[in-house]
């Protein structure tokens, strides 16, 4: 884990969760998006499992959740 000013990135994210999430948001074609592996990491699950659950429960997600 890389350290910045003696604090690991994980410790920074625990102290400033909103800023960490904002840093994961990418603007692509004028839309805000997050990559599946970043979202899976936030939820503490494997990317494969996140995608699996989205496919199995697509009706629970907003229409613009994925593209």
PDB file of N, CA and C in Angstrom:
ATOM      1  N   UNK A   1       0.844  -1.176   0.000  1.00  0.00           N
ATOM      2  CA  UNK A   1       0.000   0.000   0.000  1.00  0.00           C
ATOM      3  C   UNK A   1       0.891   1.241   0.000  1.00  0.00           C
ATOM      4  N   UNK A   2       0.666   2.118  -0.959  1.00  0.00           N
ATOM      5  CA  UNK A   2       1.473   3.323  -1.076  1.00  0.00           C
ATOM      6  C   UNK A   2       1.149   4.292   0.058  1.00  0.00           C
ATOM      7  N   UNK A   3       2.182   4.949   0.544  1.00  0.00           N
ATOM      8  CA  UNK A   3       1.980   5.914   1.629  1.00  0.00           C
ATOM      9  C   UNK A   3       2.189   7.326   1.124  1.00  0.00           C
ATOM     10  N   UNK A   4       1.356   8.205   1.589  1.00  0.00           N
ATOM     11  CA  UNK A   4       1.480   9.623   1.280  1.00  0.00           C
ATOM     12  C   UNK A   4       1.444  10.355   2.611  1.00  0.00           C
ATOM     13  N   UNK A   5       2.508  11.063   2.933  1.00  0.00           N
ATOM     14  CA  UNK A   5       2.617  11.778   4.204  1.00  0.00           C
ATOM     15  C   UNK A   5       2.456  10.839   5.397  1.00  0.00           C
ATOM     16  N   UNK A   6       2.956   9.590   5.254  1.00  0.00           N
ATOM     17  CA  UNK A   6       2.886   8.632   6.355  1.00  0.00           C
ATOM     18  C   UNK A   6       1.538   7.959   6.520  1.00  0.00           C
ATOM     19  N   UNK A   7       0.600   8.218   5.618  1.00  0.00           N
ATOM     20  CA  UNK A   7      -0.737   7.635   5.693  1.00  0.00           C
ATOM     21  C   UNK A   7      -0.967   6.798   4.443  1.00  0.00           C
ATOM     22  N   UNK A   8      -1.441   5.571   4.634  1.00  0.00           N
ATOM     23  CA  UNK A   8      -1.712   4.724   3.473  1.00  0.00           C
ATOM     24  C   UNK A   8      -2.967   5.211   2.767  1.00  0.00           C
ATOM     25  N   UNK A   9      -3.097   4.830   1.490  1.00  0.00           N
ATOM     26  CA  UNK A   9      -4.272   5.225   0.711  1.00  0.00           C
ATOM     27  C   UNK A   9      -5.550   4.676   1.354  1.00  0.00           C
ATOM     28  N   UNK A  10      -5.480   3.456   1.894  1.00  0.00           N
ATOM     29  CA  UNK A  10      -6.643   2.857   2.551  1.00  0.00           C
ATOM     30  C   UNK A  10      -7.053   3.699   3.763  1.00  0.00           C
ATOM     31  N   UNK A  11      -6.083   4.138   4.548  1.00  0.00           N
ATOM     32  CA  UNK A  11      -6.391   4.968   5.711  1.00  0.00           C
ATOM     33  C   UNK A  11      -7.002   6.296   5.287  1.00  0.00           C
ATOM     34  N   UNK A  12      -6.518   6.864   4.177  1.00  0.00           N
ATOM     35  CA  UNK A  12      -7.087   8.111   3.665  1.00  0.00           C
ATOM     36  C   UNK A  12      -8.550   7.900   3.293  1.00  0.00           C
ATOM     37  N   UNK A  13      -8.852   6.795   2.628  1.00  0.00           N
ATOM     38  CA  UNK A  13     -10.217   6.530   2.185  1.00  0.00           C
ATOM     39  C   UNK A  13     -11.153   6.296   3.358  1.00  0.00           C
ATOM     40  N   UNK A  14     -10.638   5.700   4.420  1.00  0.00           N
ATOM     41  CA  UNK A  14     -11.469   5.499   5.599  1.00  0.00           C
ATOM     42  C   UNK A  14     -11.761   6.829   6.274  1.00  0.00           C
ATOM     43  N   UNK A  15     -10.820   7.745   6.216  1.00  0.00           N
ATOM     44  CA  UNK A  15     -11.001   9.047   6.841  1.00  0.00           C
ATOM     45  C   UNK A  15     -11.827   9.988   5.968  1.00  0.00           C
ATOM     46  N   UNK A  16     -11.762   9.824   4.642  1.00  0.00           N
ATOM     47  CA  UNK A  16     -12.441  10.716   3.705  1.00  0.00           C
ATOM     48  C   UNK A  16     -13.175   9.892   2.645  1.00  0.00           C
ATOM     49  N   UNK A  17     -14.220   9.147   3.008  1.00  0.00           N
ATOM     50  CA  UNK A  17     -14.864   8.246   2.050  1.00  0.00           C
ATOM     51  C   UNK A  17     -15.488   8.948   0.851  1.00  0.00           C
ATOM     52  N   UNK A  18     -16.044  10.124   1.027  1.00  0.00           N
ATOM     53  CA  UNK A  18     -16.692  10.810  -0.093  1.00  0.00           C
ATOM     54  C   UNK A  18     -15.660  11.196  -1.147  1.00  0.00           C
ATOM     55  N   UNK A  19     -14.522  11.696  -0.723  1.00  0.00           N
ATOM     56  CA  UNK A  19     -13.485  12.077  -1.663  1.00  0.00           C
ATOM     57  C   UNK A  19     -12.965  10.867  -2.424  1.00  0.00           C
ATOM     58  N   UNK A  20     -12.854   9.729  -1.755  1.00  0.00           N
ATOM     59  CA  UNK A  20     -12.367   8.519  -2.421  1.00  0.00           C
ATOM     60  C   UNK A  20     -13.342   8.060  -3.494  1.00  0.00           C
ATOM     61  N   UNK A  21     -14.619   8.110  -3.213  1.00  0.00           N
ATOM     62  CA  UNK A  21     -15.623   7.718  -4.204  1.00  0.00           C
ATOM     63  C   UNK A  21     -15.617   8.705  -5.360  1.00  0.00           C
ATOM     64  N   UNK A  22     -15.517   9.975  -5.057  1.00  0.00           N
ATOM     65  CA  UNK A  22     -15.472  10.990  -6.120  1.00  0.00           C
ATOM     66  C   UNK A  22     -14.281  10.768  -7.051  1.00  0.00           C
ATOM     67  N   UNK A  23     -13.162  10.303  -6.511  1.00  0.00           N
ATOM     68  CA  UNK A  23     -11.976  10.055  -7.323  1.00  0.00           C
ATOM     69  C   UNK A  23     -12.159   8.853  -8.251  1.00  0.00           C
ATOM     70  N   UNK A  24     -13.110   7.992  -7.956  1.00  0.00           N
ATOM     71  CA  UNK A  24     -13.355   6.810  -8.778  1.00  0.00           C
ATOM     72  C   UNK A  24     -14.344   7.086  -9.914  1.00  0.00           C
ATOM     73  N   UNK A  25     -15.009   8.229  -9.867  1.00  0.00           N
ATOM     74  CA  UNK A  25     -15.995   8.574 -10.892  1.00  0.00           C
ATOM     75  C   UNK A  25     -15.272   9.160 -12.102  1.00  0.00           C
ATOM     76  N   UNK A  26     -15.613   8.635 -13.259  1.00  0.00           N
ATOM     77  CA  UNK A  26     -15.006   9.066 -14.522  1.00  0.00           C
ATOM     78  C   UNK A  26     -16.093   9.703 -15.376  1.00  0.00           C
ATOM     79  N   UNK A  27     -15.778  10.785 -16.058  1.00  0.00           N
ATOM     80  CA  UNK A  27     -16.726  11.388 -16.991  1.00  0.00           C
ATOM     81  C   UNK A  27     -16.389  10.861 -18.377  1.00  0.00           C
ATOM     82  N   UNK A  28     -17.356  10.175 -18.978  1.00  0.00           N
ATOM     83  CA  UNK A  28     -17.168   9.555 -20.281  1.00  0.00           C
ATOM     84  C   UNK A  28     -18.368   9.908 -21.141  1.00  0.00           C
ATOM     85  N   UNK A  29     -18.123  10.574 -22.247  1.00  0.00           N
ATOM     86  CA  UNK A  29     -19.201  11.019 -23.139  1.00  0.00           C
ATOM     87  C   UNK A  29     -20.276  11.800 -22.375  1.00  0.00           C
ATOM     88  N   UNK A  30     -19.816  12.715 -21.551  1.00  0.00           N
ATOM     89  CA  UNK A  30     -20.688  13.589 -20.753  1.00  0.00           C
ATOM     90  C   UNK A  30     -21.557  12.841 -19.742  1.00  0.00           C
ATOM     91  N   UNK A  31     -21.145  11.636 -19.357  1.00  0.00           N
ATOM     92  CA  UNK A  31     -21.862  10.867 -18.333  1.00  0.00           C
ATOM     93  C   UNK A  31     -20.889  10.492 -17.239  1.00  0.00           C
ATOM     94  N   UNK A  32     -21.361  10.488 -16.007  1.00  0.00           N
ATOM     95  CA  UNK A  32     -20.523  10.057 -14.901  1.00  0.00           C
ATOM     96  C   UNK A  32     -20.625   8.541 -14.792  1.00  0.00           C
ATOM     97  N   UNK A  33     -19.482   7.864 -14.780  1.00  0.00           N
ATOM     98  CA  UNK A  33     -19.461   6.404 -14.704  1.00  0.00           C
ATOM     99  C   UNK A  33     -18.440   5.952 -13.666  1.00  0.00           C
ATOM    100  N   UNK A  34     -18.653   4.733 -13.172  1.00  0.00           N
ATOM    101  CA  UNK A  34     -17.689   4.064 -12.302  1.00  0.00           C
ATOM    102  C   UNK A  34     -17.433   2.698 -12.897  1.00  0.00           C
ATOM    103  N   UNK A  35     -16.201   2.270 -12.853  1.00  0.00           N
ATOM    104  CA  UNK A  35     -15.858   0.955 -13.364  1.00  0.00           C
ATOM    105  C   UNK A  35     -16.320  -0.125 -12.391  1.00  0.00           C
ATOM    106  N   UNK A  36     -16.695  -1.270 -12.952  1.00  0.00           N
ATOM    107  CA  UNK A  36     -17.229  -2.340 -12.115  1.00  0.00           C
ATOM    108  C   UNK A  36     -16.240  -2.805 -11.053  1.00  0.00           C
ATOM    109  N   UNK A  37     -14.954  -2.832 -11.365  1.00  0.00           N
ATOM    110  CA  UNK A  37     -13.997  -3.309 -10.360  1.00  0.00           C
ATOM    111  C   UNK A  37     -13.851  -2.319  -9.208  1.00  0.00           C
ATOM    112  N   UNK A  38     -14.028  -1.025  -9.476  1.00  0.00           N
ATOM    113  CA  UNK A  38     -13.992  -0.032  -8.396  1.00  0.00           C
ATOM    114  C   UNK A  38     -15.231  -0.153  -7.512  1.00  0.00           C
ATOM    115  N   UNK A  39     -16.377  -0.341  -8.122  1.00  0.00           N
ATOM    116  CA  UNK A  39     -17.611  -0.494  -7.364  1.00  0.00           C
ATOM    117  C   UNK A  39     -17.581  -1.769  -6.525  1.00  0.00           C
ATOM    118  N   UNK A  40     -17.073  -2.845  -7.097  1.00  0.00           N
ATOM    119  CA  UNK A  40     -16.959  -4.108  -6.362  1.00  0.00           C
ATOM    120  C   UNK A  40     -16.035  -3.935  -5.158  1.00  0.00           C
ATOM    121  N   UNK A  41     -14.937  -3.223  -5.356  1.00  0.00           N
ATOM    122  CA  UNK A  41     -14.000  -2.995  -4.252  1.00  0.00           C
ATOM    123  C   UNK A  41     -14.664  -2.199  -3.129  1.00  0.00           C
ATOM    124  N   UNK A  42     -15.485  -1.208  -3.478  1.00  0.00           N
ATOM    125  CA  UNK A  42     -16.193  -0.431  -2.452  1.00  0.00           C
ATOM    126  C   UNK A  42     -17.133  -1.302  -1.629  1.00  0.00           C
ATOM    127  N   UNK A  43     -17.766  -2.271  -2.292  1.00  0.00           N
ATOM    128  CA  UNK A  43     -18.683  -3.176  -1.603  1.00  0.00           C
ATOM    129  C   UNK A  43     -17.981  -4.370  -0.980  1.00  0.00           C
ATOM    130  N   UNK A  44     -16.690  -4.531  -1.249  1.00  0.00           N
ATOM    131  CA  UNK A  44     -15.933  -5.620  -0.652  1.00  0.00           C
ATOM    132  C   UNK A  44     -16.236  -6.978  -1.248  1.00  0.00           C
ATOM    133  N   UNK A  45     -16.568  -7.013  -2.539  1.00  0.00           N
ATOM    134  CA  UNK A  45     -16.851  -8.271  -3.221  1.00  0.00           C
ATOM    135  C   UNK A  45     -15.991  -8.370  -4.471  1.00  0.00           C
ATOM    136  N   UNK A  46     -15.919  -9.574  -5.035  1.00  0.00           N
ATOM    137  CA  UNK A  46     -15.199  -9.756  -6.287  1.00  0.00           C
ATOM    138  C   UNK A  46     -15.998  -9.129  -7.423  1.00  0.00           C
ATOM    139  N   UNK A  47     -15.300  -8.636  -8.417  1.00  0.00           N
ATOM    140  CA  UNK A  47     -15.956  -8.036  -9.581  1.00  0.00           C
ATOM    141  C   UNK A  47     -16.893  -9.043 -10.238  1.00  0.00           C
ATOM    142  N   UNK A  48     -16.439 -10.269 -10.335  1.00  0.00           N
ATOM    143  CA  UNK A  48     -17.241 -11.340 -10.938  1.00  0.00           C
ATOM    144  C   UNK A  48     -18.585 -11.483 -10.215  1.00  0.00           C
ATOM    145  N   UNK A  49     -18.573 -11.435  -8.898  1.00  0.00           N
ATOM    146  CA  UNK A  49     -19.805 -11.593  -8.102  1.00  0.00           C
ATOM    147  C   UNK A  49     -20.729 -10.381  -8.255  1.00  0.00           C
ATOM    148  N   UNK A  50     -20.151  -9.186  -8.302  1.00  0.00           N
ATOM    149  CA  UNK A  50     -20.973  -7.992  -8.504  1.00  0.00           C
ATOM    150  C   UNK A  50     -21.712  -8.084  -9.831  1.00  0.00           C
ATOM    151  N   UNK A  51     -20.986  -8.387 -10.896  1.00  0.00           N
ATOM    152  CA  UNK A  51     -21.600  -8.496 -12.223  1.00  0.00           C
ATOM    153  C   UNK A  51     -22.633  -9.611 -12.268  1.00  0.00           C
ATOM    154  N   UNK A  52     -22.361 -10.696 -11.596  1.00  0.00           N
ATOM    155  CA  UNK A  52     -23.298 -11.822 -11.540  1.00  0.00           C
ATOM    156  C   UNK A  52     -24.608 -11.398 -10.882  1.00  0.00           C
ATOM    157  N   UNK A  53     -24.514 -10.688  -9.770  1.00  0.00           N
ATOM    158  CA  UNK A  53     -25.718 -10.254  -9.065  1.00  0.00           C
ATOM    159  C   UNK A  53     -26.502  -9.205  -9.850  1.00  0.00           C
ATOM    160  N   UNK A  54     -25.807  -8.350 -10.566  1.00  0.00           N
ATOM    161  CA  UNK A  54     -26.504  -7.371 -11.408  1.00  0.00           C
ATOM    162  C   UNK A  54     -27.291  -8.103 -12.491  1.00  0.00           C
ATOM    163  N   UNK A  55     -26.654  -9.077 -13.141  1.00  0.00           N
ATOM    164  CA  UNK A  55     -27.354  -9.842 -14.189  1.00  0.00           C
ATOM    165  C   UNK A  55     -28.568 -10.580 -13.629  1.00  0.00           C
ATOM    166  N   UNK A  56     -28.430 -11.161 -12.453  1.00  0.00           N
ATOM    167  CA  UNK A  56     -29.518 -11.949 -11.862  1.00  0.00           C
ATOM    168  C   UNK A  56     -30.653 -11.084 -11.332  1.00  0.00           C
ATOM    169  N   UNK A  57     -30.355  -9.840 -10.998  1.00  0.00           N
ATOM    170  CA  UNK A  57     -31.351  -8.956 -10.382  1.00  0.00           C
ATOM    171  C   UNK A  57     -31.485  -7.644 -11.127  1.00  0.00           C
ATOM    172  N   UNK A  58     -31.397  -7.682 -12.433  1.00  0.00           N
ATOM    173  CA  UNK A  58     -31.377  -6.460 -13.237  1.00  0.00           C
ATOM    174  C   UNK A  58     -32.588  -5.559 -12.972  1.00  0.00           C
ATOM    175  N   UNK A  59     -33.728  -6.149 -12.607  1.00  0.00           N
ATOM    176  CA  UNK A  59     -34.927  -5.346 -12.369  1.00  0.00           C
ATOM    177  C   UNK A  59     -34.805  -4.468 -11.127  1.00  0.00           C
ATOM    178  N   UNK A  60     -33.856  -4.733 -10.278  1.00  0.00           N
ATOM    179  CA  UNK A  60     -33.654  -3.938  -9.065  1.00  0.00           C
ATOM    180  C   UNK A  60     -32.771  -2.707  -9.288  1.00  0.00           C
ATOM    181  N   UNK A  61     -32.183  -2.605 -10.461  1.00  0.00           N
ATOM    182  CA  UNK A  61     -31.254  -1.525 -10.746  1.00  0.00           C
ATOM    183  C   UNK A  61     -31.904  -0.519 -11.681  1.00  0.00           C
ATOM    184  N   UNK A  62     -31.520   0.755 -11.568  1.00  0.00           N
ATOM    185  CA  UNK A  62     -32.044   1.775 -12.477  1.00  0.00           C
ATOM    186  C   UNK A  62     -31.686   1.433 -13.921  1.00  0.00           C
ATOM    187  N   UNK A  63     -32.480   1.922 -14.838  1.00  0.00           N
ATOM    188  CA  UNK A  63     -32.264   1.636 -16.269  1.00  0.00           C
ATOM    189  C   UNK A  63     -30.880   2.064 -16.742  1.00  0.00           C
ATOM    190  N   UNK A  64     -30.367   3.167 -16.197  1.00  0.00           N
ATOM    191  CA  UNK A  64     -29.072   3.662 -16.624  1.00  0.00           C
ATOM    192  C   UNK A  64     -27.909   3.185 -15.759  1.00  0.00           C
ATOM    193  N   UNK A  65     -28.132   2.123 -14.989  1.00  0.00           N
ATOM    194  CA  UNK A  65     -27.083   1.602 -14.119  1.00  0.00           C
ATOM    195  C   UNK A  65     -25.891   1.088 -14.915  1.00  0.00           C
ATOM    196  N   UNK A  66     -26.149   0.422 -16.023  1.00  0.00           N
ATOM    197  CA  UNK A  66     -25.084  -0.120 -16.876  1.00  0.00           C
ATOM    198  C   UNK A  66     -25.327   0.286 -18.308  1.00  0.00           C
ATOM    199  N   UNK A  67     -24.258   0.226 -19.076  1.00  0.00           N
ATOM    200  CA  UNK A  67     -24.423   0.413 -20.520  1.00  0.00           C
ATOM    201  C   UNK A  67     -23.529  -0.556 -21.227  1.00  0.00           C
TER     202      UNK A  67
END
